[in-house]
Structures are given as structure tokens and as C-alpha cells.
């Protein structure tokens, strides 16, 4: 049976080593998991070309998470809430069921840390930010400061949070304004989905007082944001934490097995990252 992670770019993805580690421990020798580059606008054609008798599941990364919805036959509550899908199950009858394991994975990670989560600062307003915000809303979020390059492009994220039953308050700020201000942002937790190239010193200074940092980016690691947080003794939740947690839920959904080897999956991710650093 075949599975794959799709995106553009996708060569950096740790998903293949994580899923393959799970298959090895589960004794699924006939299962494959690969990385396939699929650019924006190409998802429907790619999926239409797959044989559901041979293919079981797809993991989706940027820029495909929102593009997936029109090709789905059904989807879970978190796809509905976020407008984003990171997992597609290809059923034998040709139907396609969508999941958002970014939300459930984030809930797993947050559940391991007993910290206040009522006020959050979130850097970035894309599909991953939406999923993490909804996970925070499930954990009691009351106010979110959403810092984005272009507020007009954050509409889907703002709408998703407003539709949550707790309807946390959302304040929109631009990266340019935050970086140009001398005043630091405050809250219980900082969530970042920004690439490392956007983590400039001015931004790091603006978020230096937030005690918990949830950094969704995992390669390269540590990011400037994570490194600054670790130097000052703040709690850091990593992109590997999130990636492994959401992958656990994907493996369960794709294989039907619940005895998923979380430890082996985590070790595979960490060993691959260490190998990349040494190259």
C-alpha cells in the first residue's frame, strides 16, 4: 500500500522518515511512504491519477492544505472548522475523506504542558496558524493577537476563530508595525508559523517577553525564535513535537493500527535532523 506527503517544496519534509519508522515497527513491510512535489493548482490532477486500490493516504503541506477541500467526498470537524486539510484517506470505493491532524496533534502537544493559554500572540495567518489557534481555543484561549504581513489575507483564519464556540477576541497587527515598535507584545504563549527568513532581530525583540514559545517550523532547528527562547529559559514546544503528534494520528487513520510506535517515530525525526546538521 502506498502513501505520500505532497507539497511544494517538499524535499525538506521529515514525514517520510517518521512514517517509515512507524511501518517498520508495525511490521508493515509492504507499505511505502514517499515525498512528491505537487505545486499549487496541481493537487486535483495528481489525486485523480491515483489508483485507490494501490494508494491509501496523503499528507498535505504548503501550499495544498486549503486546495484539498473541493476534491474531498467528506471531512472531519476540524477540516470544516479550519477550511484546511492535511490528510486525505483514499477509500477503496474511490471516495476521499479529509482530516486535519494539525489540530488534534497540537492538542496532544499542548496537553503535555500545564501552562496558561488564555492570551496568545500568533505569527502568521495561514492554514497551520488557523489549526494551532483552534487548538488553543479548545484549551481556553480568550484573546489572540494575530501578526501577519497582510491582514487582508488572514480572513480565513479570523473567520475560523470567530466561528469557534468560545469565539476568542482577535486583534490583527502587521509584521511591519510590530517590528517598528519599541513596545513588546505580551501574553501567555507565542505561536510562530513564520519561516526563519522572517524571524528578524526586531521581531525577536518584540516577542521576547512571552513565556511559552510554540515554534511550528522544525528545519532548520533551532530557528532564531526557538534559539532566543532557549537562551532565556522559556518553555519551547517544537515543530518536531507537532509533526510527530499529527503523524501519529495520520498513521492510525491510514493503517487502522492503534499501537503506533510514538517513540520510534520521534527518534527517527530527531536522528534525521541531527544528520542534516552534520552535513
Protein backbone atom coordinates (compact mmCIF):
# COMPACT_ATOMS: atom_id res chain seq x y z
CA UNK A 1 0.00 0.00 0.00
CA UNK A 2 1.31 3.47 -0.88
CA UNK A 3 1.17 6.79 0.97
CA UNK A 4 2.98 10.10 0.41
CA UNK A 5 3.44 13.65 1.56
CA UNK A 6 2.64 16.25 -1.11
CA UNK A 7 3.70 19.87 -1.27
CA UNK A 8 5.97 22.44 -2.87
CA UNK A 9 8.69 22.44 -1.67
CA UNK A 10 8.63 19.00 -0.08
CA UNK A 11 12.23 17.72 -0.17
CA UNK A 12 12.81 19.01 3.38
CA UNK A 13 9.89 17.08 4.85
CA UNK A 14 10.55 14.73 7.77
CA UNK A 15 7.29 12.92 7.16
CA UNK A 16 8.81 10.07 5.12
CA UNK A 17 11.32 9.08 7.83
CA UNK A 18 8.63 9.35 10.53
CA UNK A 19 6.01 7.27 8.71
CA UNK A 20 8.55 4.70 7.53
CA UNK A 21 9.73 4.26 11.13
CA UNK A 22 6.14 3.52 12.11
CA UNK A 23 5.72 0.99 9.29
CA UNK A 24 8.92 -0.82 10.32
CA UNK A 25 7.83 -1.16 13.93
CA UNK A 26 4.32 -2.21 12.94
CA UNK A 27 5.63 -4.89 10.58
CA UNK A 28 4.03 -3.29 7.52
CA UNK A 29 6.76 -4.30 5.07
CA UNK A 30 4.55 -3.82 2.03
CA UNK A 31 3.71 -0.18 2.88
CA UNK A 32 5.54 2.70 1.19
CA UNK A 33 5.67 6.40 2.05
CA UNK A 34 7.33 8.94 -0.25
CA UNK A 35 7.65 12.69 -0.77
CA UNK A 36 6.15 14.02 -4.00
CA UNK A 37 6.41 17.58 -5.23
CA UNK A 38 2.97 18.87 -6.21
CA UNK A 39 2.72 22.60 -6.89
CA UNK A 40 -0.21 24.87 -6.17
CA UNK A 41 -3.05 24.10 -8.55
CA UNK A 42 -1.86 20.56 -9.18
CA UNK A 43 -3.49 18.57 -6.38
CA UNK A 44 -6.73 17.57 -8.10
CA UNK A 45 -4.97 16.23 -11.19
CA UNK A 46 -2.45 14.30 -9.09
CA UNK A 47 -5.10 12.66 -6.92
CA UNK A 48 -7.30 11.88 -9.92
CA UNK A 49 -4.40 9.87 -11.33
CA UNK A 50 -4.05 7.60 -8.30
CA UNK A 51 -5.39 4.05 -8.11
CA UNK A 52 -7.33 3.74 -4.80
CA UNK A 53 -6.57 0.02 -4.80
CA UNK A 54 -2.87 0.88 -4.55
CA UNK A 55 -2.92 4.18 -2.62
CA UNK A 56 -4.20 4.66 0.94
CA UNK A 57 -3.29 8.09 2.25
CA UNK A 58 -1.79 11.50 1.53
CA UNK A 59 -0.24 14.03 3.87
CA UNK A 60 -0.52 17.61 2.63
CA UNK A 61 1.77 20.52 3.35
CA UNK A 62 2.06 24.00 1.86
CA UNK A 63 0.50 25.16 -0.43
CA UNK A 64 -2.12 22.41 -0.66
CA UNK A 65 -3.99 22.38 2.65
CA UNK A 66 -6.80 24.68 1.53
CA UNK A 67 -6.73 23.45 -2.07
CA UNK A 68 -7.78 19.98 -0.93
CA UNK A 69 -11.33 20.77 0.13
CA UNK A 70 -13.02 20.69 -3.31
CA UNK A 71 -11.68 17.20 -4.06
CA UNK A 72 -12.97 15.62 -0.83
CA UNK A 73 -16.08 13.45 -0.54
CA UNK A 74 -16.28 14.03 3.23
CA UNK A 75 -14.17 15.50 6.02
CA UNK A 76 -13.88 15.75 9.77
CA UNK A 77 -14.96 18.60 12.04
CA UNK A 78 -11.53 20.21 12.07
CA UNK A 79 -11.33 20.44 8.28
CA UNK A 80 -14.74 22.08 8.41
CA UNK A 81 -13.66 24.48 11.16
CA UNK A 82 -10.30 25.46 9.65
CA UNK A 83 -11.01 25.26 5.95
CA UNK A 84 -7.76 23.29 5.72
CA UNK A 85 -6.94 19.60 5.27
CA UNK A 86 -3.56 17.98 5.89
CA UNK A 87 -4.60 14.33 5.49
CA UNK A 88 -6.55 12.60 2.72
CA UNK A 89 -7.72 9.00 3.09
CA UNK A 90 -8.25 7.29 -0.27
CA UNK A 91 -11.01 4.74 0.17
CA UNK A 92 -11.29 1.58 -1.98
CA UNK A 93 -14.57 2.83 -3.49
CA UNK A 94 -12.85 5.97 -4.79
CA UNK A 95 -14.16 8.37 -2.16
CA UNK A 96 -11.80 10.70 -0.32
CA UNK A 97 -12.08 11.59 3.34
CA UNK A 98 -10.22 14.59 4.71
CA UNK A 99 -8.76 15.07 8.20
CA UNK A 100 -6.96 17.89 9.93
CA UNK A 101 -4.48 16.23 12.25
CA UNK A 102 -2.67 19.54 12.77
CA UNK A 103 -5.43 20.45 15.23
CA UNK A 104 -5.52 17.10 17.01
CA UNK A 105 -1.72 16.94 17.02
CA UNK A 106 -1.48 20.42 18.54
CA UNK A 107 -3.97 19.40 21.21
CA UNK A 108 -1.74 16.44 22.07
CA UNK A 109 1.32 18.68 22.38
CA UNK A 110 -0.46 21.36 24.43
CA UNK A 111 -1.96 18.68 26.68
CA UNK A 112 1.54 17.66 27.77
CA UNK A 113 2.21 21.11 29.26
CA UNK A 114 0.21 22.63 32.10
CA UNK A 115 0.62 26.31 31.22
CA UNK A 116 -1.86 29.22 30.93
CA UNK A 117 -3.16 29.64 27.39
CA UNK A 118 -5.74 32.42 27.64
CA UNK A 119 -3.78 35.05 25.68
CA UNK A 120 -1.75 34.19 22.59
CA UNK A 121 0.39 36.00 20.07
CA UNK A 122 0.39 34.20 16.73
CA UNK A 123 2.89 34.98 13.97
CA UNK A 124 1.46 34.09 10.57
CA UNK A 125 -2.10 33.67 9.38
CA UNK A 126 -2.09 30.64 7.09
CA UNK A 127 -3.57 27.16 7.40
CA UNK A 128 -1.18 25.96 10.11
CA UNK A 129 -1.77 29.10 12.18
CA UNK A 130 -5.52 28.52 11.90
CA UNK A 131 -5.17 24.96 13.17
CA UNK A 132 -2.99 25.98 16.11
CA UNK A 133 -5.36 28.80 17.03
CA UNK A 134 -8.31 26.41 17.11
CA UNK A 135 -6.33 24.02 19.31
CA UNK A 136 -5.64 26.93 21.66
CA UNK A 137 -9.33 27.83 21.59
CA UNK A 138 -10.11 24.29 22.70
CA UNK A 139 -7.73 24.84 25.62
CA UNK A 140 -9.29 28.11 26.79
CA UNK A 141 -7.92 30.86 24.53
CA UNK A 142 -9.73 34.15 25.11
CA UNK A 143 -7.65 36.67 23.13
CA UNK A 144 -5.31 36.30 20.16
CA UNK A 145 -3.02 38.92 18.65
CA UNK A 146 -2.54 37.79 15.06
CA UNK A 147 0.60 39.26 13.48
CA UNK A 148 0.68 38.92 9.69
CA UNK A 149 2.24 40.51 6.63
CA UNK A 150 -1.10 41.34 5.01
CA UNK A 151 -4.25 41.49 7.20
CA UNK A 152 -6.49 41.03 4.16
CA UNK A 153 -5.04 37.56 3.59
CA UNK A 154 -5.81 36.48 7.16
CA UNK A 155 -9.58 36.50 6.63
CA UNK A 156 -9.98 32.70 6.67
CA UNK A 157 -8.08 32.45 9.95
CA UNK A 158 -10.08 35.23 11.61
CA UNK A 159 -13.36 33.70 10.40
CA UNK A 160 -12.44 30.24 11.69
CA UNK A 161 -11.66 31.55 15.15
CA UNK A 162 -14.81 33.67 15.25
CA UNK A 163 -16.88 30.59 14.43
CA UNK A 164 -15.45 28.60 17.35
CA UNK A 165 -17.95 28.15 20.17
CA UNK A 166 -15.81 30.26 22.52
CA UNK A 167 -15.27 33.00 19.89
CA UNK A 168 -11.96 34.36 21.23
CA UNK A 169 -11.27 38.01 20.58
CA UNK A 170 -8.85 38.60 17.68
CA UNK A 171 -6.60 41.62 17.26
CA UNK A 172 -4.84 41.99 13.90
CA UNK A 173 -1.36 43.54 13.69
CA UNK A 174 1.09 43.77 10.80
CA UNK A 175 4.63 42.47 10.97
CA UNK A 176 5.99 45.79 9.75
CA UNK A 177 4.30 47.74 12.55
CA UNK A 178 5.29 45.24 15.27
CA UNK A 179 8.92 45.25 14.11
CA UNK A 180 8.97 49.03 14.11
CA UNK A 181 7.58 49.50 17.62
CA UNK A 182 9.66 49.65 20.79
CA UNK A 183 6.93 48.05 22.91
CA UNK A 184 6.98 44.28 23.41
CA UNK A 185 3.95 42.06 22.83
CA UNK A 186 2.59 40.25 25.88
CA UNK A 187 0.57 37.12 26.51
CA UNK A 188 0.75 33.55 27.79
CA UNK A 189 2.05 31.85 24.66
CA UNK A 190 3.69 32.71 21.36
CA UNK A 191 2.89 30.61 18.29
CA UNK A 192 5.00 31.05 15.18
CA UNK A 193 4.48 29.63 11.71
CA UNK A 194 6.89 32.08 10.06
CA UNK A 195 9.87 30.89 8.02
CA UNK A 196 13.28 31.54 9.53
CA UNK A 197 13.95 34.28 6.97
CA UNK A 198 11.16 36.33 8.54
CA UNK A 199 12.46 35.91 12.11
CA UNK A 200 14.45 39.15 12.13
CA UNK A 201 16.01 40.68 15.29
CA UNK A 202 13.33 43.36 15.56
CA UNK A 203 10.61 40.71 15.68
CA UNK A 204 12.51 38.57 18.18
CA UNK A 205 12.79 41.60 20.47
CA UNK A 206 9.07 42.31 20.19
CA UNK A 207 8.12 38.80 21.40
CA UNK A 208 10.91 38.30 23.93
CA UNK A 209 8.61 38.52 26.97
CA UNK A 210 6.26 35.67 26.04
CA UNK A 211 6.98 32.75 28.44
CA UNK A 212 5.94 29.82 26.19
CA UNK A 213 7.00 29.53 22.55
CA UNK A 214 5.33 27.07 20.17
CA UNK A 215 7.54 27.07 17.07
CA UNK A 216 5.89 25.21 14.20
CA UNK A 217 8.98 25.32 11.96
CA UNK A 218 11.38 22.41 12.55
CA UNK A 219 14.01 22.67 9.82
CA UNK A 220 16.48 24.22 10.29
CA UNK A 221 16.47 23.77 14.07
CA UNK A 222 16.72 25.64 16.24
CA UNK A 223 15.09 28.56 14.46
CA UNK A 224 16.19 32.05 15.55
CA UNK A 225 13.00 32.30 17.59
CA UNK A 226 13.50 28.95 19.33
CA UNK A 227 17.18 29.66 19.99
CA UNK A 228 16.36 33.03 21.59
CA UNK A 229 13.68 31.41 23.76
CA UNK A 230 16.00 28.62 24.89
CA UNK A 231 18.75 31.10 25.81
CA UNK A 232 16.36 32.92 28.14
CA UNK A 233 14.94 29.78 29.76
CA UNK A 234 11.50 29.96 28.24
CA UNK A 235 9.40 26.86 27.51
CA UNK A 236 9.77 25.79 23.87
CA UNK A 237 7.37 23.47 22.07
CA UNK A 238 8.91 22.47 18.76
CA UNK A 239 7.77 21.80 15.26
CA UNK A 240 9.01 18.23 15.73
CA UNK A 241 6.63 17.86 18.68
CA UNK A 242 3.77 18.93 16.40
CA UNK A 243 4.94 16.95 13.36
CA UNK A 244 5.25 13.68 15.29
CA UNK A 245 1.93 14.17 17.09
CA UNK A 246 -0.01 14.84 13.91
CA UNK A 247 1.82 11.97 12.16
CA UNK A 248 0.74 9.56 14.92
CA UNK A 249 -2.88 10.44 14.13
CA UNK A 250 -2.22 10.04 10.40
CA UNK A 251 -0.68 6.59 10.81
CA UNK A 252 -3.65 5.47 12.90
CA UNK A 253 -6.08 6.76 10.26
CA UNK A 254 -4.19 5.34 7.28
CA UNK A 255 -3.27 1.91 8.67
CA UNK A 256 -6.09 1.30 11.14
CA UNK A 257 -3.50 0.36 13.76
CA UNK A 258 -3.65 1.94 17.22
CA UNK A 259 -0.38 0.51 18.56
CA UNK A 260 1.58 3.28 16.87
CA UNK A 261 5.27 3.46 17.98
CA UNK A 262 5.46 7.11 19.01
CA UNK A 263 8.95 6.76 20.46
CA UNK A 264 10.40 5.23 17.29
CA UNK A 265 8.77 7.94 15.18
CA UNK A 266 10.24 10.69 17.36
CA UNK A 267 13.71 9.13 17.32
CA UNK A 268 13.62 8.86 13.53
CA UNK A 269 12.77 12.55 13.22
CA UNK A 270 15.48 13.64 15.65
CA UNK A 271 18.13 11.44 14.03
CA UNK A 272 17.32 12.81 10.58
CA UNK A 273 17.53 16.41 11.81
CA UNK A 274 20.87 15.68 13.51
CA UNK A 275 22.14 14.12 10.29
CA UNK A 276 21.17 17.20 8.31
CA UNK A 277 23.00 19.47 10.75
CA UNK A 278 26.19 17.46 10.34
CA UNK A 279 26.20 17.60 6.54
